[in-house]
Amino acid sequence: MTQQQRLNVVLELVSERGSVSISEVSDALGVSTATVRRDLNTLAEQRLVTRTHGGAAALGSGYELPLQYKIARQAEAKVAIARAVADLVRPGESVGLNGGTTTSEVARMLGRSERLRPQGDAPGVTIVTNALNIAYELSVREHVKIVVTGGVPRRQSYELVGPLVGASLRDFSLDTAVLGVDGISGTFGATTVHEGEADASREIARVARRVVVAADATKIGRSTFARICPLSRIDLLVTDQDVSAEFAAELATAGVDLLVAS
């Protein structure tokens, strides 16, 4: 296991438990306590954890893993979901993408798609996004037209947030909005951990004719701090596992179609 892989695991443990001890991390990783101390010191220097006497703790109760440390989580599921979402997009369409690991995978699928390559100079697909990493990755794809919203970037997610997001979308009309979320439930709908990101995602959804939520099974039935939109605003949920009968009924009542990617 490389150091980067160890750091990913440590951050996930901190995110789940709030705090960890050196011995807990040593047992989880199968490495020496000296290695754990060095890794914890590295994370503390990067201001990703708070170093404690016997281990490390999250920076606060609303702790959020930075995007670069989320990439390996549920990787196979996110690729399957992204493939299913990309298959929904037809040549010439416009697609809004918010930030996150799942929507980043969707962007990669769209960028690699030979099916979306047009004949002539017209773009195969137009991507409107508030995610700087998505815009950067797709900027080299000749068949993709990239439009980036205004806003102020969040370091944790590379997403632009603030009133400039809505202002720059005001005169747009999108075929599809694809939203990554931190949770989706019958009671609160689609949610995320940061209110600024929720507002930006809501603005993207507002100018789209179809709203697709791309969420792996760990997000189903979960609610986080900031609501993006109720279930009734969502047209399609794409996930990687069958949902419970109760949640399936809530989706049906709200008029949300369900697609389980394989």
C-alpha atoms as a PDB file:
ATOM      1  CA  MET A   1       0.000   0.000   0.000  1.00  0.00           C
ATOM      2  CA  THR A   2       1.387   3.377  -1.022  1.00  0.00           C
ATOM      3  CA  GLN A   3       1.445   6.379   1.282  1.00  0.00           C
ATOM      4  CA  GLN A   4      -1.359   8.023  -0.703  1.00  0.00           C
ATOM      5  CA  GLN A   5      -3.518   4.920  -0.265  1.00  0.00           C
ATOM      6  CA  ARG A   6      -2.758   4.902   3.468  1.00  0.00           C
ATOM      7  CA  LEU A   7      -3.699   8.575   3.754  1.00  0.00           C
ATOM      8  CA  ASN A   8      -6.992   7.872   1.983  1.00  0.00           C
ATOM      9  CA  VAL A   9      -7.832   5.104   4.458  1.00  0.00           C
ATOM     10  CA  VAL A  10      -6.867   7.213   7.476  1.00  0.00           C
ATOM     11  CA  LEU A  11      -9.054  10.098   6.309  1.00  0.00           C
ATOM     12  CA  GLU A  12     -11.986   7.761   5.759  1.00  0.00           C
ATOM     13  CA  LEU A  13     -11.555   6.391   9.296  1.00  0.00           C
ATOM     14  CA  VAL A  14     -11.442   9.910  10.721  1.00  0.00           C
ATOM     15  CA  SER A  15     -14.495  10.890   8.674  1.00  0.00           C
ATOM     16  CA  GLU A  16     -16.465   7.873   9.916  1.00  0.00           C
ATOM     17  CA  ARG A  17     -15.377   7.859  13.574  1.00  0.00           C
ATOM     18  CA  GLY A  18     -14.510  11.465  14.351  1.00  0.00           C
ATOM     19  CA  SER A  19     -11.160  10.448  15.857  1.00  0.00           C
ATOM     20  CA  VAL A  20      -8.698   7.564  15.679  1.00  0.00           C
ATOM     21  CA  SER A  21      -5.822   6.314  17.782  1.00  0.00           C
ATOM     22  CA  ILE A  22      -2.408   5.339  16.469  1.00  0.00           C
ATOM     23  CA  SER A  23      -3.010   1.714  17.445  1.00  0.00           C
ATOM     24  CA  GLU A  24      -6.376   1.643  15.614  1.00  0.00           C
ATOM     25  CA  VAL A  25      -4.804   2.920  12.416  1.00  0.00           C
ATOM     26  CA  SER A  26      -1.863   0.536  12.800  1.00  0.00           C
ATOM     27  CA  ASP A  27      -4.231  -2.432  13.096  1.00  0.00           C
ATOM     28  CA  ALA A  28      -6.412  -1.264  10.195  1.00  0.00           C
ATOM     29  CA  LEU A  29      -3.470  -0.756   7.839  1.00  0.00           C
ATOM     30  CA  GLY A  30      -1.151  -3.476   9.080  1.00  0.00           C
ATOM     31  CA  VAL A  31       1.767  -1.055   9.379  1.00  0.00           C
ATOM     32  CA  SER A  32       4.030   0.041  12.213  1.00  0.00           C
ATOM     33  CA  THR A  33       3.066   2.726  14.690  1.00  0.00           C
ATOM     34  CA  ALA A  34       6.045   4.780  13.467  1.00  0.00           C
ATOM     35  CA  THR A  35       4.569   4.782   9.942  1.00  0.00           C
ATOM     36  CA  VAL A  36       1.177   5.801  11.322  1.00  0.00           C
ATOM     37  CA  ARG A  37       2.731   8.708  13.227  1.00  0.00           C
ATOM     38  CA  ARG A  38       4.418   9.957  10.045  1.00  0.00           C
ATOM     39  CA  ASP A  39       1.163   9.678   8.095  1.00  0.00           C
ATOM     40  CA  LEU A  40      -0.812  11.505  10.773  1.00  0.00           C
ATOM     41  CA  ASN A  41       1.797  14.245  10.891  1.00  0.00           C
ATOM     42  CA  THR A  42       1.562  14.595   7.097  1.00  0.00           C
ATOM     43  CA  LEU A  43      -2.220  14.981   7.259  1.00  0.00           C
ATOM     44  CA  ALA A  44      -1.957  17.458  10.123  1.00  0.00           C
ATOM     45  CA  GLU A  45       0.582  19.540   8.151  1.00  0.00           C
ATOM     46  CA  GLN A  46      -1.921  19.620   5.272  1.00  0.00           C
ATOM     47  CA  ARG A  47      -4.599  20.786   7.740  1.00  0.00           C
ATOM     48  CA  LEU A  48      -6.775  17.753   7.000  1.00  0.00           C
ATOM     49  CA  VAL A  49      -6.870  16.458  10.590  1.00  0.00           C
ATOM     50  CA  THR A  50      -6.052  17.702  14.071  1.00  0.00           C
ATOM     51  CA  ARG A  51      -3.174  15.822  15.692  1.00  0.00           C
ATOM     52  CA  THR A  52      -3.974  14.578  19.199  1.00  0.00           C
ATOM     53  CA  HIS A  53      -1.761  13.038  21.880  1.00  0.00           C
ATOM     54  CA  GLY A  54      -2.523   9.461  20.853  1.00  0.00           C
ATOM     55  CA  GLY A  55      -3.817   9.841  17.316  1.00  0.00           C
ATOM     56  CA  ALA A  56      -5.839  12.324  15.247  1.00  0.00           C
ATOM     57  CA  ALA A  57      -9.301  13.891  15.153  1.00  0.00           C
ATOM     58  CA  ALA A  58     -11.545  15.514  12.568  1.00  0.00           C
ATOM     59  CA  LEU A  59     -11.305  19.279  12.230  1.00  0.00           C
ATOM     60  CA  GLY A  60     -14.960  19.708  13.197  1.00  0.00           C
ATOM     61  CA  SER A  61     -18.343  18.019  13.465  1.00  0.00           C
ATOM     62  CA  GLY A  62     -19.162  18.817   9.840  1.00  0.00           C
ATOM     63  CA  TYR A  63     -15.957  17.211   8.581  1.00  0.00           C
ATOM     64  CA  GLU A  64     -15.833  16.779   4.801  1.00  0.00           C
ATOM     65  CA  LEU A  65     -13.203  14.810   2.908  1.00  0.00           C
ATOM     66  CA  PRO A  66     -11.537  16.848   0.153  1.00  0.00           C
ATOM     67  CA  LEU A  67     -12.407  15.581  -3.323  1.00  0.00           C
ATOM     68  CA  GLN A  68      -8.977  14.140  -4.084  1.00  0.00           C
ATOM     69  CA  TYR A  69      -9.300  11.787  -1.108  1.00  0.00           C
ATOM     70  CA  LYS A  70     -12.746  10.525  -2.152  1.00  0.00           C
ATOM     71  CA  ILE A  71     -11.777   9.207  -5.557  1.00  0.00           C
ATOM     72  CA  ALA A  72     -11.175   5.598  -4.505  1.00  0.00           C
ATOM     73  CA  ARG A  73     -14.423   5.273  -2.549  1.00  0.00           C
ATOM     74  CA  GLN A  74     -17.074   3.113  -4.254  1.00  0.00           C
ATOM     75  CA  ALA A  75     -14.997   3.388  -7.430  1.00  0.00           C
ATOM     76  CA  GLU A  76     -16.532   0.469  -9.361  1.00  0.00           C
ATOM     77  CA  ALA A  77     -20.063   1.572  -8.504  1.00  0.00           C
ATOM     78  CA  LYS A  78     -19.391   5.128  -9.635  1.00  0.00           C
ATOM     79  CA  VAL A  79     -17.962   3.966 -12.963  1.00  0.00           C
ATOM     80  CA  ALA A  80     -21.044   1.791 -13.577  1.00  0.00           C
ATOM     81  CA  ILE A  81     -23.353   4.681 -12.686  1.00  0.00           C
ATOM     82  CA  ALA A  82     -21.391   7.074 -14.901  1.00  0.00           C
ATOM     83  CA  ARG A  83     -21.593   4.699 -17.848  1.00  0.00           C
ATOM     84  CA  ALA A  84     -25.361   4.396 -17.452  1.00  0.00           C
ATOM     85  CA  VAL A  85     -25.788   8.171 -17.196  1.00  0.00           C
ATOM     86  CA  ALA A  86     -23.574   8.847 -20.221  1.00  0.00           C
ATOM     87  CA  ASP A  87     -25.681   6.418 -22.256  1.00  0.00           C
ATOM     88  CA  LEU A  88     -28.680   8.702 -21.661  1.00  0.00           C
ATOM     89  CA  VAL A  89     -27.029  11.626 -23.441  1.00  0.00           C
ATOM     90  CA  ARG A  90     -27.642  12.050 -27.177  1.00  0.00           C
ATOM     91  CA  PRO A  91     -25.321  13.831 -29.624  1.00  0.00           C
ATOM     92  CA  GLY A  92     -25.790  17.590 -29.628  1.00  0.00           C
ATOM     93  CA  GLU A  93     -27.363  17.787 -26.160  1.00  0.00           C
ATOM     94  CA  SER A  94     -26.413  20.171 -23.364  1.00  0.00           C
ATOM     95  CA  VAL A  95     -25.650  18.690 -19.946  1.00  0.00           C
ATOM     96  CA  GLY A  96     -25.204  20.444 -16.607  1.00  0.00           C
ATOM     97  CA  LEU A  97     -22.816  18.818 -14.117  1.00  0.00           C
ATOM     98  CA  ASN A  98     -22.166  19.791 -10.525  1.00  0.00           C
ATOM     99  CA  GLY A  99     -18.997  18.706  -8.754  1.00  0.00           C
ATOM    100  CA  GLY A 100     -18.114  15.427  -7.066  1.00  0.00           C
ATOM    101  CA  THR A 101     -16.493  12.091  -7.781  1.00  0.00           C
ATOM    102  CA  THR A 102     -19.534  10.544  -9.482  1.00  0.00           C
ATOM    103  CA  THR A 103     -20.170  13.479 -11.797  1.00  0.00           C
ATOM    104  CA  SER A 104     -16.434  13.597 -12.542  1.00  0.00           C
ATOM    105  CA  GLU A 105     -16.739  10.005 -13.754  1.00  0.00           C
ATOM    106  CA  VAL A 106     -19.769  10.995 -15.838  1.00  0.00           C
ATOM    107  CA  ALA A 107     -17.690  13.772 -17.397  1.00  0.00           C
ATOM    108  CA  ARG A 108     -14.913  11.305 -18.248  1.00  0.00           C
ATOM    109  CA  MET A 109     -17.400   8.923 -19.867  1.00  0.00           C
ATOM    110  CA  LEU A 110     -18.832  11.747 -21.972  1.00  0.00           C
ATOM    111  CA  GLY A 111     -15.350  12.897 -22.903  1.00  0.00           C
ATOM    112  CA  ARG A 112     -14.315   9.413 -24.090  1.00  0.00           C
ATOM    113  CA  SER A 113     -17.530   8.627 -25.943  1.00  0.00           C
ATOM    114  CA  GLU A 114     -17.056   7.978 -29.647  1.00  0.00           C
ATOM    115  CA  ARG A 115     -20.843   7.969 -30.019  1.00  0.00           C
ATOM    116  CA  LEU A 116     -20.982  11.673 -29.187  1.00  0.00           C
ATOM    117  CA  ARG A 117     -18.414  12.723 -31.752  1.00  0.00           C
ATOM    118  CA  PRO A 118     -20.223  14.819 -34.379  1.00  0.00           C
ATOM    119  CA  GLN A 119     -19.790  15.128 -38.103  1.00  0.00           C
ATOM    120  CA  GLY A 120     -18.491  18.614 -38.822  1.00  0.00           C
ATOM    121  CA  ASP A 121     -17.632  21.476 -36.469  1.00  0.00           C
ATOM    122  CA  ALA A 122     -20.648  21.384 -34.141  1.00  0.00           C
ATOM    123  CA  PRO A 123     -19.936  20.173 -30.589  1.00  0.00           C
ATOM    124  CA  GLY A 124     -20.903  16.590 -29.837  1.00  0.00           C
ATOM    125  CA  VAL A 125     -22.049  17.629 -26.384  1.00  0.00           C
ATOM    126  CA  THR A 126     -22.092  20.887 -24.434  1.00  0.00           C
ATOM    127  CA  ILE A 127     -21.123  20.624 -20.762  1.00  0.00           C
ATOM    128  CA  VAL A 128     -22.093  23.405 -18.373  1.00  0.00           C
ATOM    129  CA  THR A 129     -20.427  22.998 -15.005  1.00  0.00           C
ATOM    130  CA  ASN A 130     -19.455  24.781 -11.815  1.00  0.00           C
ATOM    131  CA  ALA A 131     -16.684  22.200 -11.181  1.00  0.00           C
ATOM    132  CA  LEU A 132     -13.209  23.388 -12.103  1.00  0.00           C
ATOM    133  CA  ASN A 133     -11.723  19.881 -12.245  1.00  0.00           C
ATOM    134  CA  ILE A 134     -14.390  18.745 -14.733  1.00  0.00           C
ATOM    135  CA  ALA A 135     -13.796  21.791 -16.930  1.00  0.00           C
ATOM    136  CA  TYR A 136     -10.039  21.190 -16.853  1.00  0.00           C
ATOM    137  CA  GLU A 137     -10.307  17.491 -17.744  1.00  0.00           C
ATOM    138  CA  LEU A 138     -12.734  18.056 -20.609  1.00  0.00           C
ATOM    139  CA  SER A 139     -10.959  21.076 -22.075  1.00  0.00           C
ATOM    140  CA  VAL A 140      -8.788  18.779 -24.239  1.00  0.00           C
ATOM    141  CA  ARG A 141     -11.785  16.938 -25.759  1.00  0.00           C
ATOM    142  CA  GLU A 142     -12.446  18.354 -29.208  1.00  0.00           C
ATOM    143  CA  HIS A 143     -16.070  17.192 -29.367  1.00  0.00           C
ATOM    144  CA  VAL A 144     -16.971  18.762 -25.993  1.00  0.00           C
ATOM    145  CA  LYS A 145     -17.933  22.403 -25.628  1.00  0.00           C
ATOM    146  CA  ILE A 146     -17.232  23.549 -22.059  1.00  0.00           C
ATOM    147  CA  VAL A 147     -19.092  26.380 -20.351  1.00  0.00           C
ATOM    148  CA  VAL A 148     -17.980  27.242 -16.803  1.00  0.00           C
ATOM    149  CA  THR A 149     -20.224  29.181 -14.447  1.00  0.00           C
ATOM    150  CA  GLY A 150     -19.032  32.105 -12.404  1.00  0.00           C
ATOM    151  CA  GLY A 151     -18.489  31.823  -8.674  1.00  0.00           C
ATOM    152  CA  VAL A 152     -15.941  31.424  -5.909  1.00  0.00           C
ATOM    153  CA  PRO A 153     -14.131  28.036  -5.680  1.00  0.00           C
ATOM    154  CA  ARG A 154     -14.331  25.728  -2.660  1.00  0.00           C
ATOM    155  CA  ARG A 155     -11.023  23.983  -2.061  1.00  0.00           C
ATOM    156  CA  GLN A 156     -12.671  20.804  -0.769  1.00  0.00           C
ATOM    157  CA  SER A 157     -14.645  20.107  -3.942  1.00  0.00           C
ATOM    158  CA  TYR A 158     -13.251  22.415  -6.672  1.00  0.00           C
ATOM    159  CA  GLU A 159     -16.820  23.712  -7.123  1.00  0.00           C
ATOM    160  CA  LEU A 160     -17.682  27.338  -7.806  1.00  0.00           C
ATOM    161  CA  VAL A 161     -20.345  28.649  -5.429  1.00  0.00           C
ATOM    162  CA  GLY A 162     -22.109  31.928  -4.698  1.00  0.00           C
ATOM    163  CA  PRO A 163     -24.578  34.196  -6.511  1.00  0.00           C
ATOM    164  CA  LEU A 164     -22.492  34.300  -9.698  1.00  0.00           C
ATOM    165  CA  VAL A 165     -23.427  30.678 -10.384  1.00  0.00           C
ATOM    166  CA  GLY A 166     -27.114  31.502 -10.741  1.00  0.00           C
ATOM    167  CA  ALA A 167     -26.389  34.748 -12.565  1.00  0.00           C
ATOM    168  CA  SER A 168     -24.331  32.999 -15.241  1.00  0.00           C
ATOM    169  CA  LEU A 169     -26.989  30.300 -15.736  1.00  0.00           C
ATOM    170  CA  ARG A 170     -29.914  32.704 -16.006  1.00  0.00           C
ATOM    171  CA  ASP A 171     -30.141  32.663 -19.794  1.00  0.00           C
ATOM    172  CA  PHE A 172     -29.290  28.979 -20.312  1.00  0.00           C
ATOM    173  CA  SER A 173     -31.582  26.085 -21.170  1.00  0.00           C
ATOM    174  CA  LEU A 174     -30.127  22.611 -20.560  1.00  0.00           C
ATOM    175  CA  ASP A 175     -31.387  19.279 -21.806  1.00  0.00           C
ATOM    176  CA  THR A 176     -30.212  17.406 -18.701  1.00  0.00           C
ATOM    177  CA  ALA A 177     -28.762  18.229 -15.291  1.00  0.00           C
ATOM    178  CA  VAL A 178     -26.723  15.447 -13.713  1.00  0.00           C
ATOM    179  CA  LEU A 179     -26.301  15.975  -9.985  1.00  0.00           C
ATOM    180  CA  GLY A 180     -23.983  14.195  -7.618  1.00  0.00           C
ATOM    181  CA  VAL A 181     -25.289  14.236  -4.034  1.00  0.00           C
ATOM    182  CA  ASP A 182     -24.187  13.291  -0.533  1.00  0.00           C
ATOM    183  CA  GLY A 183     -27.589  11.883   0.328  1.00  0.00           C
ATOM    184  CA  ILE A 184     -31.037  11.208  -1.081  1.00  0.00           C
ATOM    185  CA  SER A 185     -34.108  10.321   0.960  1.00  0.00           C
ATOM    186  CA  GLY A 186     -37.877  10.455   0.759  1.00  0.00           C
ATOM    187  CA  THR A 187     -38.143  13.060   3.489  1.00  0.00           C
ATOM    188  CA  PHE A 188     -35.467  15.557   2.413  1.00  0.00           C
ATOM    189  CA  GLY A 189     -34.849  14.683  -1.234  1.00  0.00           C
ATOM    190  CA  ALA A 190     -31.365  15.313  -2.619  1.00  0.00           C
ATOM    191  CA  THR A 191     -28.920  16.810  -0.128  1.00  0.00           C
ATOM    192  CA  THR A 192     -25.272  17.762   0.219  1.00  0.00           C
ATOM    193  CA  VAL A 193     -23.029  18.811   3.082  1.00  0.00           C
ATOM    194  CA  HIS A 194     -22.463  22.448   2.084  1.00  0.00           C
ATOM    195  CA  GLU A 195     -25.160  25.052   1.602  1.00  0.00           C
ATOM    196  CA  GLY A 196     -23.238  26.867  -1.139  1.00  0.00           C
ATOM    197  CA  GLU A 197     -22.896  23.695  -3.182  1.00  0.00           C
ATOM    198  CA  ALA A 198     -26.583  22.935  -2.623  1.00  0.00           C
ATOM    199  CA  ASP A 199     -27.532  26.348  -3.999  1.00  0.00           C
ATOM    200  CA  ALA A 200     -25.261  25.940  -7.040  1.00  0.00           C
ATOM    201  CA  SER A 201     -26.684  22.484  -7.782  1.00  0.00           C
ATOM    202  CA  ARG A 202     -30.210  23.825  -7.415  1.00  0.00           C
ATOM    203  CA  GLU A 203     -29.438  26.556  -9.966  1.00  0.00           C
ATOM    204  CA  ILE A 204     -28.149  23.966 -12.441  1.00  0.00           C
ATOM    205  CA  ALA A 205     -31.306  21.890 -11.961  1.00  0.00           C
ATOM    206  CA  ARG A 206     -33.509  24.974 -12.335  1.00  0.00           C
ATOM    207  CA  VAL A 207     -32.510  25.526 -15.983  1.00  0.00           C
ATOM    208  CA  ALA A 208     -32.701  21.843 -17.023  1.00  0.00           C
ATOM    209  CA  ARG A 209     -35.604  20.022 -18.651  1.00  0.00           C
ATOM    210  CA  ARG A 210     -34.543  16.723 -17.058  1.00  0.00           C
ATOM    211  CA  VAL A 211     -32.875  16.245 -13.657  1.00  0.00           C
ATOM    212  CA  VAL A 212     -30.845  13.086 -13.084  1.00  0.00           C
ATOM    213  CA  VAL A 213     -29.360  12.239  -9.688  1.00  0.00           C
ATOM    214  CA  ALA A 214     -26.342   9.921  -9.805  1.00  0.00           C
ATOM    215  CA  ALA A 215     -25.810   8.337  -6.391  1.00  0.00           C
ATOM    216  CA  ASP A 216     -24.196   5.095  -5.253  1.00  0.00           C
ATOM    217  CA  ALA A 217     -25.876   2.869  -2.681  1.00  0.00           C
ATOM    218  CA  THR A 218     -24.105   4.506   0.274  1.00  0.00           C
ATOM    219  CA  LYS A 219     -26.064   7.722  -0.390  1.00  0.00           C
ATOM    220  CA  ILE A 220     -29.524   6.119  -0.512  1.00  0.00           C
ATOM    221  CA  GLY A 221     -31.737   6.817   2.505  1.00  0.00           C
ATOM    222  CA  ARG A 222     -29.190   9.301   3.858  1.00  0.00           C
ATOM    223  CA  SER A 223     -29.754  13.001   4.541  1.00  0.00           C
ATOM    224  CA  THR A 224     -27.029  15.619   4.941  1.00  0.00           C
ATOM    225  CA  PHE A 225     -27.058  19.273   5.956  1.00  0.00           C
ATOM    226  CA  ALA A 226     -28.203  21.221   2.894  1.00  0.00           C
ATOM    227  CA  ARG A 227     -31.134  20.387   0.641  1.00  0.00           C
ATOM    228  CA  ILE A 228     -30.681  20.637  -3.110  1.00  0.00           C
ATOM    229  CA  CYS A 229     -34.220  19.758  -4.130  1.00  0.00           C
ATOM    230  CA  PRO A 230     -37.167  17.536  -3.142  1.00  0.00           C
ATOM    231  CA  LEU A 231     -37.725  14.166  -4.790  1.00  0.00           C
ATOM    232  CA  SER A 232     -40.508  15.677  -6.888  1.00  0.00           C
ATOM    233  CA  ARG A 233     -37.946  17.809  -8.778  1.00  0.00           C
ATOM    234  CA  ILE A 234     -35.946  14.721  -9.820  1.00  0.00           C
ATOM    235  CA  ASP A 235     -36.829  12.825 -12.991  1.00  0.00           C
ATOM    236  CA  LEU A 236     -34.415   9.888 -12.700  1.00  0.00           C
ATOM    237  CA  LEU A 237     -32.248   8.314 -10.000  1.00  0.00           C
ATOM    238  CA  VAL A 238     -29.313   6.252 -11.252  1.00  0.00           C
ATOM    239  CA  THR A 239     -27.715   4.038  -8.622  1.00  0.00           C
ATOM    240  CA  ASP A 240     -25.775   0.772  -8.435  1.00  0.00           C
ATOM    241  CA  GLN A 241     -27.975  -1.432  -6.225  1.00  0.00           C
ATOM    242  CA  ASP A 242     -31.652  -2.165  -5.783  1.00  0.00           C
ATOM    243  CA  VAL A 243     -33.288   0.160  -3.257  1.00  0.00           C
ATOM    244  CA  SER A 244     -35.608  -0.858  -0.432  1.00  0.00           C
ATOM    245  CA  ALA A 245     -39.294  -1.406  -1.160  1.00  0.00           C
ATOM    246  CA  GLU A 246     -40.111   1.582   1.057  1.00  0.00           C
ATOM    247  CA  PHE A 247     -37.799   3.947  -0.827  1.00  0.00           C
ATOM    248  CA  ALA A 248     -38.938   2.569  -4.184  1.00  0.00           C
ATOM    249  CA  ALA A 249     -42.495   3.460  -3.199  1.00  0.00           C
ATOM    250  CA  GLU A 250     -41.407   6.981  -2.216  1.00  0.00           C
ATOM    251  CA  LEU A 251     -39.703   7.400  -5.591  1.00  0.00           C
ATOM    252  CA  ALA A 252     -42.797   6.190  -7.417  1.00  0.00           C
ATOM    253  CA  THR A 253     -45.066   8.543  -5.457  1.00  0.00           C
ATOM    254  CA  ALA A 254     -42.779  11.474  -6.347  1.00  0.00           C
ATOM    255  CA  GLY A 255     -42.686  10.452 -10.020  1.00  0.00           C
ATOM    256  CA  VAL A 256     -38.992   9.539  -9.999  1.00  0.00           C
ATOM    257  CA  ASP A 257     -37.835   6.806 -12.361  1.00  0.00           C
ATOM    258  CA  LEU A 258     -35.166   4.394 -11.097  1.00  0.00           C
ATOM    259  CA  LEU A 259     -32.266   2.965 -13.089  1.00  0.00           C
ATOM    260  CA  VAL A 260     -29.947   0.417 -11.466  1.00  0.00           C
ATOM    261  CA  ALA A 261     -26.614   0.362 -13.287  1.00  0.00           C
ATOM    262  CA  SER A 262     -24.768  -2.920 -13.726  1.00  0.00           C
END
